[in-house]
Amino acid sequence: MKTSHIITTFLLAAGVSAVIGLYLDPKLEAEPATEAAAPAAAAPSVASLAVEEPTTSIRRKATIYNRADGHYWTRALVNKKSSVEFMVDTGASVVALTYKDAQKMGLRPDQLDYRWEIRTAGGKTMGASVLVDTIQIGQVKVKNVEAMVLRNDLEQSLLGMSFLRELYSYEFRGERLIIQQ
């Protein structure tokens, strides 16, 4: 075997070792073998290490807090101009807007078609279907959100599932609701 082949083989082995070292957790330490120890899993092949690259994703997050009434409340920027206070309602199929909040958002609720029968905890009412351009809470911004404007019988706008299902995740952690996009 030529000296150049030996050096090339050595450098290739050193490179493979370096790649494997990048993928192994430096906190892992070898434990002494015992008779009852299970057989070790096969080490990953170099080919699989070359294909699998660590992926990092930076998600936009926002935190919504629980108030004394037991509900999660947030203030959102709607259509890039109106600040609207929402109560999170996972039982609401769509975002529900009060007549007054719809006015603030520039939706002209007096000109909408209130033909949809809506069932609420308080009974039945009529609603008008609208599409909200954007709802933004902190860093989280959802576009083209289905919503209903209720002519009456709604005291508070509700952040329903038409917003929540567009998120990557939402998680309740004690007094906080963490949403990610």
N, C-alpha and C. Protein backbone atom coordinates (compact mmCIF):
# COMPACT_ATOMS: atom_id res chain seq x y z
N MET A 1 0.85 -1.16 0.00
CA MET A 1 0.00 0.00 0.00
C MET A 1 0.90 1.23 0.00
N LYS A 2 0.58 2.20 -0.84
CA LYS A 2 1.39 3.40 -0.95
C LYS A 2 1.13 4.32 0.24
N THR A 3 2.11 5.14 0.52
CA THR A 3 2.00 6.10 1.61
C THR A 3 0.84 7.06 1.36
N SER A 4 0.62 7.50 0.13
CA SER A 4 -0.47 8.42 -0.19
C SER A 4 -1.83 7.78 0.09
N HIS A 5 -1.95 6.45 -0.16
CA HIS A 5 -3.19 5.74 0.13
C HIS A 5 -3.44 5.66 1.64
N ILE A 6 -2.37 5.44 2.38
CA ILE A 6 -2.49 5.36 3.85
C ILE A 6 -2.92 6.71 4.41
N ILE A 7 -2.32 7.77 3.92
CA ILE A 7 -2.67 9.12 4.40
C ILE A 7 -4.11 9.45 4.02
N THR A 8 -4.52 9.14 2.79
CA THR A 8 -5.88 9.39 2.34
C THR A 8 -6.88 8.62 3.20
N THR A 9 -6.58 7.35 3.48
CA THR A 9 -7.45 6.53 4.32
C THR A 9 -7.54 7.12 5.72
N PHE A 10 -6.41 7.54 6.25
CA PHE A 10 -6.39 8.13 7.59
C PHE A 10 -7.22 9.41 7.63
N LEU A 11 -7.06 10.29 6.62
CA LEU A 11 -7.82 11.54 6.58
C LEU A 11 -9.32 11.27 6.41
N LEU A 12 -9.68 10.29 5.61
CA LEU A 12 -11.09 9.93 5.43
C LEU A 12 -11.68 9.43 6.74
N ALA A 13 -10.94 8.58 7.45
CA ALA A 13 -11.41 8.07 8.75
C ALA A 13 -11.55 9.21 9.74
N ALA A 14 -10.62 10.16 9.74
CA ALA A 14 -10.69 11.30 10.66
C ALA A 14 -11.91 12.17 10.33
N GLY A 15 -12.19 12.34 9.04
CA GLY A 15 -13.36 13.13 8.63
C GLY A 15 -14.66 12.48 9.06
N VAL A 16 -14.76 11.16 8.87
CA VAL A 16 -15.96 10.42 9.29
C VAL A 16 -16.12 10.52 10.80
N SER A 17 -15.03 10.40 11.53
CA SER A 17 -15.09 10.52 13.00
C SER A 17 -15.58 11.91 13.40
N ALA A 18 -15.12 12.93 12.70
CA ALA A 18 -15.54 14.29 13.02
C ALA A 18 -17.03 14.47 12.77
N VAL A 19 -17.54 13.93 11.65
CA VAL A 19 -18.97 14.03 11.34
C VAL A 19 -19.79 13.31 12.39
N ILE A 20 -19.37 12.11 12.76
CA ILE A 20 -20.09 11.35 13.79
C ILE A 20 -20.05 12.11 15.10
N GLY A 21 -18.92 12.72 15.44
CA GLY A 21 -18.80 13.49 16.67
C GLY A 21 -19.75 14.67 16.72
N LEU A 22 -20.06 15.28 15.56
CA LEU A 22 -21.00 16.40 15.52
C LEU A 22 -22.41 15.96 15.85
N TYR A 23 -22.76 14.74 15.51
CA TYR A 23 -24.13 14.26 15.70
C TYR A 23 -24.36 13.58 17.05
N LEU A 24 -23.31 13.20 17.71
CA LEU A 24 -23.47 12.56 19.00
C LEU A 24 -23.57 13.61 20.09
N ASP A 25 -24.38 13.35 21.08
CA ASP A 25 -24.55 14.26 22.20
C ASP A 25 -23.31 14.20 23.07
N PRO A 26 -22.62 15.34 23.24
CA PRO A 26 -21.40 15.32 24.05
C PRO A 26 -21.68 15.01 25.51
N LYS A 27 -22.92 15.10 25.96
CA LYS A 27 -23.26 14.82 27.35
C LYS A 27 -23.38 13.34 27.62
N LEU A 28 -23.51 12.53 26.58
CA LEU A 28 -23.65 11.10 26.77
C LEU A 28 -22.32 10.51 27.19
N GLU A 29 -22.36 9.66 28.17
CA GLU A 29 -21.15 9.00 28.63
C GLU A 29 -21.38 7.50 28.60
N ALA A 30 -20.31 6.78 28.36
CA ALA A 30 -20.43 5.32 28.34
C ALA A 30 -20.65 4.82 29.76
N GLU A 31 -21.57 3.90 29.91
CA GLU A 31 -21.82 3.30 31.21
C GLU A 31 -21.17 1.94 31.24
N PRO A 32 -20.71 1.52 32.39
CA PRO A 32 -20.08 0.21 32.46
C PRO A 32 -21.09 -0.88 32.13
N ALA A 33 -20.66 -1.88 31.40
CA ALA A 33 -21.54 -2.97 31.00
C ALA A 33 -21.84 -3.86 32.20
N THR A 34 -23.06 -4.34 32.26
CA THR A 34 -23.44 -5.29 33.30
C THR A 34 -24.02 -6.51 32.62
N GLU A 35 -24.10 -7.57 33.34
CA GLU A 35 -24.64 -8.80 32.76
C GLU A 35 -26.09 -8.64 32.34
N ALA A 36 -26.86 -7.82 33.07
CA ALA A 36 -28.27 -7.66 32.78
C ALA A 36 -28.53 -6.60 31.72
N ALA A 37 -27.48 -5.94 31.27
CA ALA A 37 -27.67 -4.86 30.30
C ALA A 37 -28.16 -5.42 28.98
N ALA A 38 -29.08 -4.67 28.35
CA ALA A 38 -29.61 -5.07 27.04
C ALA A 38 -28.55 -4.81 25.99
N PRO A 39 -28.59 -5.54 24.89
CA PRO A 39 -27.61 -5.30 23.83
C PRO A 39 -27.77 -3.88 23.29
N ALA A 40 -26.66 -3.24 23.00
CA ALA A 40 -26.68 -1.88 22.50
C ALA A 40 -27.28 -1.85 21.10
N ALA A 41 -27.98 -0.74 20.81
CA ALA A 41 -28.54 -0.57 19.48
C ALA A 41 -27.41 -0.35 18.50
N ALA A 42 -27.64 -0.73 17.27
CA ALA A 42 -26.61 -0.59 16.25
C ALA A 42 -26.34 0.90 16.03
N ALA A 43 -25.07 1.23 15.84
CA ALA A 43 -24.69 2.62 15.59
C ALA A 43 -25.21 3.03 14.22
N PRO A 44 -25.60 4.30 14.07
CA PRO A 44 -26.10 4.73 12.77
C PRO A 44 -24.99 4.67 11.73
N SER A 45 -25.36 4.36 10.51
CA SER A 45 -24.37 4.28 9.45
C SER A 45 -23.96 5.68 9.03
N VAL A 46 -22.78 5.78 8.43
CA VAL A 46 -22.29 7.06 7.96
C VAL A 46 -23.23 7.63 6.92
N ALA A 47 -23.82 6.79 6.09
CA ALA A 47 -24.74 7.25 5.06
C ALA A 47 -25.96 7.92 5.68
N SER A 48 -26.50 7.33 6.76
CA SER A 48 -27.67 7.93 7.37
C SER A 48 -27.32 9.24 8.06
N LEU A 49 -26.11 9.35 8.58
CA LEU A 49 -25.71 10.60 9.21
C LEU A 49 -25.55 11.70 8.19
N ALA A 50 -25.10 11.36 7.01
CA ALA A 50 -24.91 12.37 5.97
C ALA A 50 -26.25 12.88 5.46
N VAL A 51 -27.29 12.04 5.46
CA VAL A 51 -28.59 12.43 4.93
C VAL A 51 -29.39 13.22 5.95
N GLU A 52 -29.35 12.80 7.21
CA GLU A 52 -30.15 13.44 8.24
C GLU A 52 -29.43 14.66 8.78
N GLU A 53 -29.95 15.83 8.46
CA GLU A 53 -29.37 17.04 8.96
C GLU A 53 -30.26 17.59 10.06
N PRO A 54 -29.69 18.13 11.11
CA PRO A 54 -30.53 18.70 12.15
C PRO A 54 -31.31 19.89 11.60
N THR A 55 -32.57 19.92 11.93
CA THR A 55 -33.39 21.02 11.45
C THR A 55 -33.81 21.87 12.64
N THR A 56 -33.75 23.16 12.46
CA THR A 56 -34.22 24.07 13.47
C THR A 56 -35.30 24.93 12.83
N SER A 57 -36.36 25.14 13.57
CA SER A 57 -37.40 26.00 13.05
C SER A 57 -37.72 27.03 14.12
N ILE A 58 -37.72 28.24 13.69
CA ILE A 58 -38.06 29.32 14.59
C ILE A 58 -39.52 29.64 14.35
N ARG A 59 -40.31 29.41 15.36
CA ARG A 59 -41.74 29.66 15.27
C ARG A 59 -42.08 30.96 15.98
N ARG A 60 -43.07 31.64 15.42
CA ARG A 60 -43.57 32.84 16.07
C ARG A 60 -44.50 32.40 17.20
N LYS A 61 -44.36 33.04 18.36
CA LYS A 61 -45.13 32.65 19.54
C LYS A 61 -45.81 33.85 20.16
N ALA A 62 -46.85 33.56 20.90
CA ALA A 62 -47.52 34.57 21.73
C ALA A 62 -48.11 33.85 22.93
N THR A 63 -48.24 34.58 24.01
CA THR A 63 -48.81 34.02 25.23
C THR A 63 -50.08 34.77 25.58
N ILE A 64 -51.12 34.02 25.88
CA ILE A 64 -52.41 34.57 26.28
C ILE A 64 -52.63 34.14 27.73
N TYR A 65 -53.06 35.07 28.55
CA TYR A 65 -53.16 34.78 29.99
C TYR A 65 -54.60 34.57 30.45
N ASN A 66 -54.72 33.75 31.47
CA ASN A 66 -55.99 33.44 32.11
C ASN A 66 -56.31 34.57 33.09
N ARG A 67 -57.55 35.03 33.07
CA ARG A 67 -57.96 36.06 34.03
C ARG A 67 -58.70 35.41 35.18
N ALA A 68 -59.07 36.22 36.13
CA ALA A 68 -59.74 35.74 37.34
C ALA A 68 -61.06 35.04 37.04
N ASP A 69 -61.69 35.36 35.91
CA ASP A 69 -62.96 34.72 35.55
C ASP A 69 -62.78 33.31 35.00
N GLY A 70 -61.51 32.88 34.85
CA GLY A 70 -61.22 31.53 34.36
C GLY A 70 -61.08 31.43 32.85
N HIS A 71 -61.26 32.54 32.13
CA HIS A 71 -61.15 32.54 30.67
C HIS A 71 -59.82 33.15 30.24
N TYR A 72 -59.38 32.77 29.05
CA TYR A 72 -58.15 33.31 28.47
C TYR A 72 -58.55 34.49 27.58
N TRP A 73 -57.94 35.64 27.84
CA TRP A 73 -58.26 36.88 27.14
C TRP A 73 -57.01 37.43 26.47
N THR A 74 -57.23 38.07 25.31
CA THR A 74 -56.11 38.70 24.62
C THR A 74 -56.60 39.90 23.82
N ARG A 75 -55.68 40.79 23.57
CA ARG A 75 -55.95 41.93 22.69
C ARG A 75 -55.22 41.64 21.38
N ALA A 76 -55.94 41.76 20.27
CA ALA A 76 -55.37 41.45 18.96
C ALA A 76 -55.46 42.66 18.04
N LEU A 77 -54.51 42.75 17.15
CA LEU A 77 -54.55 43.76 16.10
C LEU A 77 -55.28 43.13 14.91
N VAL A 78 -56.39 43.72 14.53
CA VAL A 78 -57.22 43.16 13.47
C VAL A 78 -57.16 44.06 12.25
N ASN A 79 -56.93 43.45 11.10
CA ASN A 79 -56.81 44.18 9.83
C ASN A 79 -55.77 45.30 9.90
N LYS A 80 -54.73 45.08 10.68
CA LYS A 80 -53.59 45.98 10.80
C LYS A 80 -53.93 47.35 11.37
N LYS A 81 -55.15 47.51 11.93
CA LYS A 81 -55.50 48.85 12.40
C LYS A 81 -56.33 48.88 13.67
N SER A 82 -57.13 47.88 13.94
CA SER A 82 -58.04 47.93 15.07
C SER A 82 -57.59 47.00 16.19
N SER A 83 -57.62 47.50 17.40
CA SER A 83 -57.31 46.69 18.57
C SER A 83 -58.63 46.15 19.11
N VAL A 84 -58.72 44.81 19.16
CA VAL A 84 -59.95 44.17 19.59
C VAL A 84 -59.61 43.19 20.72
N GLU A 85 -60.42 43.21 21.78
CA GLU A 85 -60.22 42.27 22.88
C GLU A 85 -61.05 41.02 22.59
N PHE A 86 -60.39 39.86 22.67
CA PHE A 86 -61.03 38.58 22.41
C PHE A 86 -60.97 37.70 23.64
N MET A 87 -62.01 36.90 23.82
CA MET A 87 -61.96 35.81 24.77
C MET A 87 -61.77 34.55 23.93
N VAL A 88 -60.80 33.71 24.29
CA VAL A 88 -60.55 32.48 23.55
C VAL A 88 -61.69 31.51 23.84
N ASP A 89 -62.24 30.94 22.76
CA ASP A 89 -63.36 30.00 22.90
C ASP A 89 -63.14 28.84 21.94
N THR A 90 -62.58 27.74 22.47
CA THR A 90 -62.33 26.57 21.62
C THR A 90 -63.63 25.88 21.22
N GLY A 91 -64.74 26.24 21.84
CA GLY A 91 -66.05 25.69 21.49
C GLY A 91 -66.73 26.44 20.36
N ALA A 92 -66.16 27.57 19.96
CA ALA A 92 -66.71 28.36 18.86
C ALA A 92 -66.07 27.90 17.55
N SER A 93 -66.88 27.54 16.58
CA SER A 93 -66.36 27.06 15.30
C SER A 93 -65.58 28.14 14.56
N VAL A 94 -66.04 29.36 14.66
CA VAL A 94 -65.39 30.47 13.96
C VAL A 94 -65.18 31.62 14.93
N VAL A 95 -64.39 32.59 14.50
CA VAL A 95 -64.25 33.82 15.25
C VAL A 95 -65.60 34.52 15.22
N ALA A 96 -66.07 34.96 16.38
CA ALA A 96 -67.35 35.67 16.47
C ALA A 96 -67.08 37.11 16.88
N LEU A 97 -67.63 38.04 16.13
CA LEU A 97 -67.39 39.46 16.37
C LEU A 97 -68.66 40.17 16.82
N THR A 98 -68.51 41.03 17.80
CA THR A 98 -69.64 41.86 18.20
C THR A 98 -69.89 42.89 17.10
N TYR A 99 -71.08 43.41 17.08
CA TYR A 99 -71.45 44.44 16.12
C TYR A 99 -70.51 45.64 16.28
N LYS A 100 -70.25 46.02 17.53
CA LYS A 100 -69.40 47.18 17.82
C LYS A 100 -67.96 46.95 17.34
N ASP A 101 -67.40 45.74 17.60
CA ASP A 101 -66.04 45.45 17.13
C ASP A 101 -65.98 45.42 15.61
N ALA A 102 -67.02 44.92 14.97
CA ALA A 102 -67.07 44.92 13.50
C ALA A 102 -67.04 46.35 12.96
N GLN A 103 -67.73 47.25 13.66
CA GLN A 103 -67.69 48.66 13.26
C GLN A 103 -66.27 49.21 13.38
N LYS A 104 -65.60 48.92 14.51
CA LYS A 104 -64.22 49.39 14.71
C LYS A 104 -63.29 48.89 13.62
N MET A 105 -63.55 47.68 13.14
CA MET A 105 -62.69 47.07 12.12
C MET A 105 -63.00 47.57 10.71
N GLY A 106 -64.06 48.34 10.57
CA GLY A 106 -64.43 48.87 9.27
C GLY A 106 -65.19 47.89 8.40
N LEU A 107 -65.87 46.92 9.02
CA LEU A 107 -66.61 45.91 8.25
C LEU A 107 -68.01 46.35 7.83
N ARG A 108 -68.47 47.52 8.27
CA ARG A 108 -69.80 48.05 7.95
C ARG A 108 -70.91 47.05 8.28
N PRO A 109 -71.06 46.74 9.56
CA PRO A 109 -72.03 45.71 9.96
C PRO A 109 -73.47 46.06 9.63
N ASP A 110 -73.78 47.34 9.45
CA ASP A 110 -75.15 47.73 9.09
C ASP A 110 -75.50 47.30 7.66
N GLN A 111 -74.50 46.96 6.85
CA GLN A 111 -74.75 46.56 5.46
C GLN A 111 -74.55 45.07 5.22
N LEU A 112 -74.32 44.30 6.27
CA LEU A 112 -74.08 42.86 6.11
C LEU A 112 -75.39 42.09 6.04
N ASP A 113 -75.31 40.88 5.51
CA ASP A 113 -76.47 39.99 5.37
C ASP A 113 -76.48 39.01 6.55
N TYR A 114 -77.38 39.23 7.49
CA TYR A 114 -77.48 38.40 8.71
C TYR A 114 -78.43 37.23 8.46
N ARG A 115 -78.02 36.31 7.62
CA ARG A 115 -78.88 35.19 7.26
C ARG A 115 -78.52 33.87 7.94
N TRP A 116 -77.42 33.81 8.65
CA TRP A 116 -76.96 32.57 9.27
C TRP A 116 -77.47 32.46 10.70
N GLU A 117 -78.11 31.34 10.99
CA GLU A 117 -78.56 31.09 12.35
C GLU A 117 -77.39 30.58 13.18
N ILE A 118 -77.14 31.24 14.27
CA ILE A 118 -76.00 30.91 15.13
C ILE A 118 -76.54 30.45 16.48
N ARG A 119 -76.01 29.31 16.95
CA ARG A 119 -76.38 28.83 18.29
C ARG A 119 -75.27 29.20 19.26
N THR A 120 -75.66 29.91 20.29
CA THR A 120 -74.70 30.30 21.31
C THR A 120 -75.14 29.71 22.65
N ALA A 121 -74.33 29.92 23.67
CA ALA A 121 -74.70 29.45 25.00
C ALA A 121 -75.98 30.13 25.47
N GLY A 122 -76.22 31.33 24.98
CA GLY A 122 -77.42 32.08 25.38
C GLY A 122 -78.63 31.82 24.50
N GLY A 123 -78.49 30.99 23.48
CA GLY A 123 -79.62 30.72 22.59
C GLY A 123 -79.25 30.94 21.14
N LYS A 124 -80.27 31.17 20.32
CA LYS A 124 -80.06 31.37 18.88
C LYS A 124 -80.05 32.86 18.54
N THR A 125 -79.23 33.21 17.57
CA THR A 125 -79.17 34.57 17.06
C THR A 125 -78.81 34.50 15.58
N MET A 126 -78.76 35.62 14.92
CA MET A 126 -78.43 35.66 13.50
C MET A 126 -77.06 36.30 13.30
N GLY A 127 -76.31 35.76 12.32
CA GLY A 127 -74.97 36.26 12.06
C GLY A 127 -74.71 36.46 10.59
N ALA A 128 -73.72 37.29 10.30
CA ALA A 128 -73.29 37.56 8.92
C ALA A 128 -71.87 37.04 8.75
N SER A 129 -71.65 36.28 7.69
CA SER A 129 -70.34 35.71 7.42
C SER A 129 -69.42 36.76 6.80
N VAL A 130 -68.19 36.86 7.34
CA VAL A 130 -67.19 37.80 6.83
C VAL A 130 -65.84 37.10 6.79
N LEU A 131 -64.92 37.69 6.08
CA LEU A 131 -63.54 37.21 6.04
C LEU A 131 -62.67 38.34 6.57
N VAL A 132 -61.98 38.08 7.67
CA VAL A 132 -61.10 39.08 8.29
C VAL A 132 -59.73 38.93 7.64
N ASP A 133 -59.19 40.03 7.16
CA ASP A 133 -57.89 39.99 6.47
C ASP A 133 -56.78 39.43 7.36
N THR A 134 -56.61 40.00 8.56
CA THR A 134 -55.57 39.52 9.46
C THR A 134 -55.99 39.68 10.92
N ILE A 135 -55.56 38.73 11.72
CA ILE A 135 -55.66 38.83 13.18
C ILE A 135 -54.26 38.54 13.70
N GLN A 136 -53.71 39.52 14.45
CA GLN A 136 -52.34 39.37 14.95
C GLN A 136 -52.33 39.51 16.46
N ILE A 137 -51.71 38.50 17.10
CA ILE A 137 -51.50 38.50 18.55
C ILE A 137 -50.00 38.36 18.75
N GLY A 138 -49.37 39.40 19.26
CA GLY A 138 -47.91 39.37 19.41
C GLY A 138 -47.26 39.12 18.08
N GLN A 139 -46.43 38.09 17.99
CA GLN A 139 -45.73 37.75 16.75
C GLN A 139 -46.57 36.88 15.82
N VAL A 140 -47.68 36.35 16.31
CA VAL A 140 -48.50 35.41 15.53
C VAL A 140 -49.52 36.19 14.71
N LYS A 141 -49.49 35.93 13.40
CA LYS A 141 -50.37 36.66 12.48
C LYS A 141 -51.04 35.67 11.54
N VAL A 142 -52.38 35.61 11.59
CA VAL A 142 -53.14 34.70 10.73
C VAL A 142 -53.93 35.54 9.72
N LYS A 143 -53.86 35.12 8.47
CA LYS A 143 -54.53 35.84 7.38
C LYS A 143 -55.80 35.11 6.96
N ASN A 144 -56.74 35.87 6.41
CA ASN A 144 -57.98 35.33 5.84
C ASN A 144 -58.73 34.43 6.82
N VAL A 145 -59.15 35.01 7.91
CA VAL A 145 -59.82 34.27 8.97
C VAL A 145 -61.33 34.36 8.80
N GLU A 146 -61.99 33.20 8.74
CA GLU A 146 -63.45 33.18 8.68
C GLU A 146 -64.01 33.68 10.00
N ALA A 147 -65.06 34.51 9.91
CA ALA A 147 -65.67 35.05 11.13
C ALA A 147 -67.16 35.28 10.89
N MET A 148 -67.86 35.46 11.99
CA MET A 148 -69.28 35.81 11.96
C MET A 148 -69.47 37.07 12.77
N VAL A 149 -70.19 38.01 12.22
CA VAL A 149 -70.59 39.20 12.96
C VAL A 149 -71.99 38.91 13.47
N LEU A 150 -72.17 39.02 14.78
CA LEU A 150 -73.49 38.80 15.36
C LEU A 150 -74.16 40.15 15.59
N ARG A 151 -75.39 40.24 15.11
CA ARG A 151 -76.12 41.50 15.21
C ARG A 151 -76.34 41.89 16.67
N ASN A 152 -76.66 40.90 17.49
CA ASN A 152 -76.87 41.15 18.92
C ASN A 152 -76.59 39.87 19.69
N ASP A 153 -76.85 39.88 20.97
CA ASP A 153 -76.66 38.73 21.85
C ASP A 153 -75.22 38.29 22.03
N LEU A 154 -74.27 39.13 21.68
CA LEU A 154 -72.86 38.81 21.92
C LEU A 154 -72.22 40.01 22.60
N GLU A 155 -71.80 39.81 23.84
CA GLU A 155 -71.20 40.90 24.60
C GLU A 155 -69.71 41.04 24.35
N GLN A 156 -69.07 39.94 23.91
CA GLN A 156 -67.63 39.91 23.76
C GLN A 156 -67.24 39.17 22.49
N SER A 157 -66.30 39.70 21.74
CA SER A 157 -65.80 38.98 20.56
C SER A 157 -65.06 37.73 21.01
N LEU A 158 -65.21 36.65 20.24
CA LEU A 158 -64.64 35.35 20.61
C LEU A 158 -63.60 34.93 19.58
N LEU A 159 -62.47 34.46 20.09
CA LEU A 159 -61.42 33.93 19.23
C LEU A 159 -61.65 32.44 19.11
N GLY A 160 -62.30 32.04 18.03
CA GLY A 160 -62.71 30.65 17.85
C GLY A 160 -61.75 29.84 17.00
N MET A 161 -62.22 28.65 16.63
CA MET A 161 -61.38 27.67 15.94
C MET A 161 -60.94 28.08 14.54
N SER A 162 -61.66 28.97 13.87
CA SER A 162 -61.20 29.39 12.54
C SER A 162 -59.85 30.12 12.64
N PHE A 163 -59.53 30.66 13.79
CA PHE A 163 -58.20 31.22 14.04
C PHE A 163 -57.25 30.14 14.56
N LEU A 164 -57.68 29.43 15.59
CA LEU A 164 -56.81 28.47 16.28
C LEU A 164 -56.34 27.33 15.38
N ARG A 165 -57.18 26.86 14.48
CA ARG A 165 -56.77 25.73 13.64
C ARG A 165 -55.74 26.13 12.58
N GLU A 166 -55.50 27.39 12.39
CA GLU A 166 -54.47 27.86 11.45
C GLU A 166 -53.09 27.92 12.10
N LEU A 167 -53.01 27.66 13.39
CA LEU A 167 -51.75 27.71 14.11
C LEU A 167 -51.01 26.39 13.99
N TYR A 168 -49.72 26.42 14.24
CA TYR A 168 -48.93 25.19 14.32
C TYR A 168 -49.35 24.42 15.57
N SER A 169 -49.50 25.15 16.68
CA SER A 169 -49.94 24.51 17.92
C SER A 169 -50.48 25.55 18.88
N TYR A 170 -51.28 25.08 19.81
CA TYR A 170 -51.64 25.88 20.97
C TYR A 170 -51.66 24.94 22.16
N GLU A 171 -51.17 25.45 23.28
CA GLU A 171 -50.98 24.60 24.44
C GLU A 171 -51.34 25.38 25.71
N PHE A 172 -52.18 24.76 26.53
CA PHE A 172 -52.54 25.35 27.81
C PHE A 172 -51.51 24.90 28.85
N ARG A 173 -50.88 25.86 29.50
CA ARG A 173 -49.91 25.59 30.56
C ARG A 173 -50.31 26.43 31.77
N GLY A 174 -51.12 25.84 32.62
CA GLY A 174 -51.57 26.55 33.82
C GLY A 174 -52.34 27.79 33.47
N GLU A 175 -51.81 28.92 33.86
CA GLU A 175 -52.48 30.21 33.65
C GLU A 175 -52.20 30.81 32.27
N ARG A 176 -51.49 30.07 31.43
CA ARG A 176 -51.09 30.59 30.12
C ARG A 176 -51.58 29.71 28.99
N LEU A 177 -51.89 30.33 27.88
CA LEU A 177 -52.16 29.64 26.62
C LEU A 177 -51.08 30.10 25.67
N ILE A 178 -50.25 29.17 25.22
CA ILE A 178 -49.13 29.51 24.33
C ILE A 178 -49.52 29.10 22.92
N ILE A 179 -49.51 30.07 22.01
CA ILE A 179 -49.83 29.78 20.62
C ILE A 179 -48.56 29.92 19.78
N GLN A 180 -48.43 29.02 18.79
CA GLN A 180 -47.26 29.04 17.90
C GLN A 180 -47.71 28.95 16.46
N GLN A 181 -46.96 29.62 15.64
CA GLN A 181 -47.25 29.60 14.20
C GLN A 181 -46.00 29.19 13.45
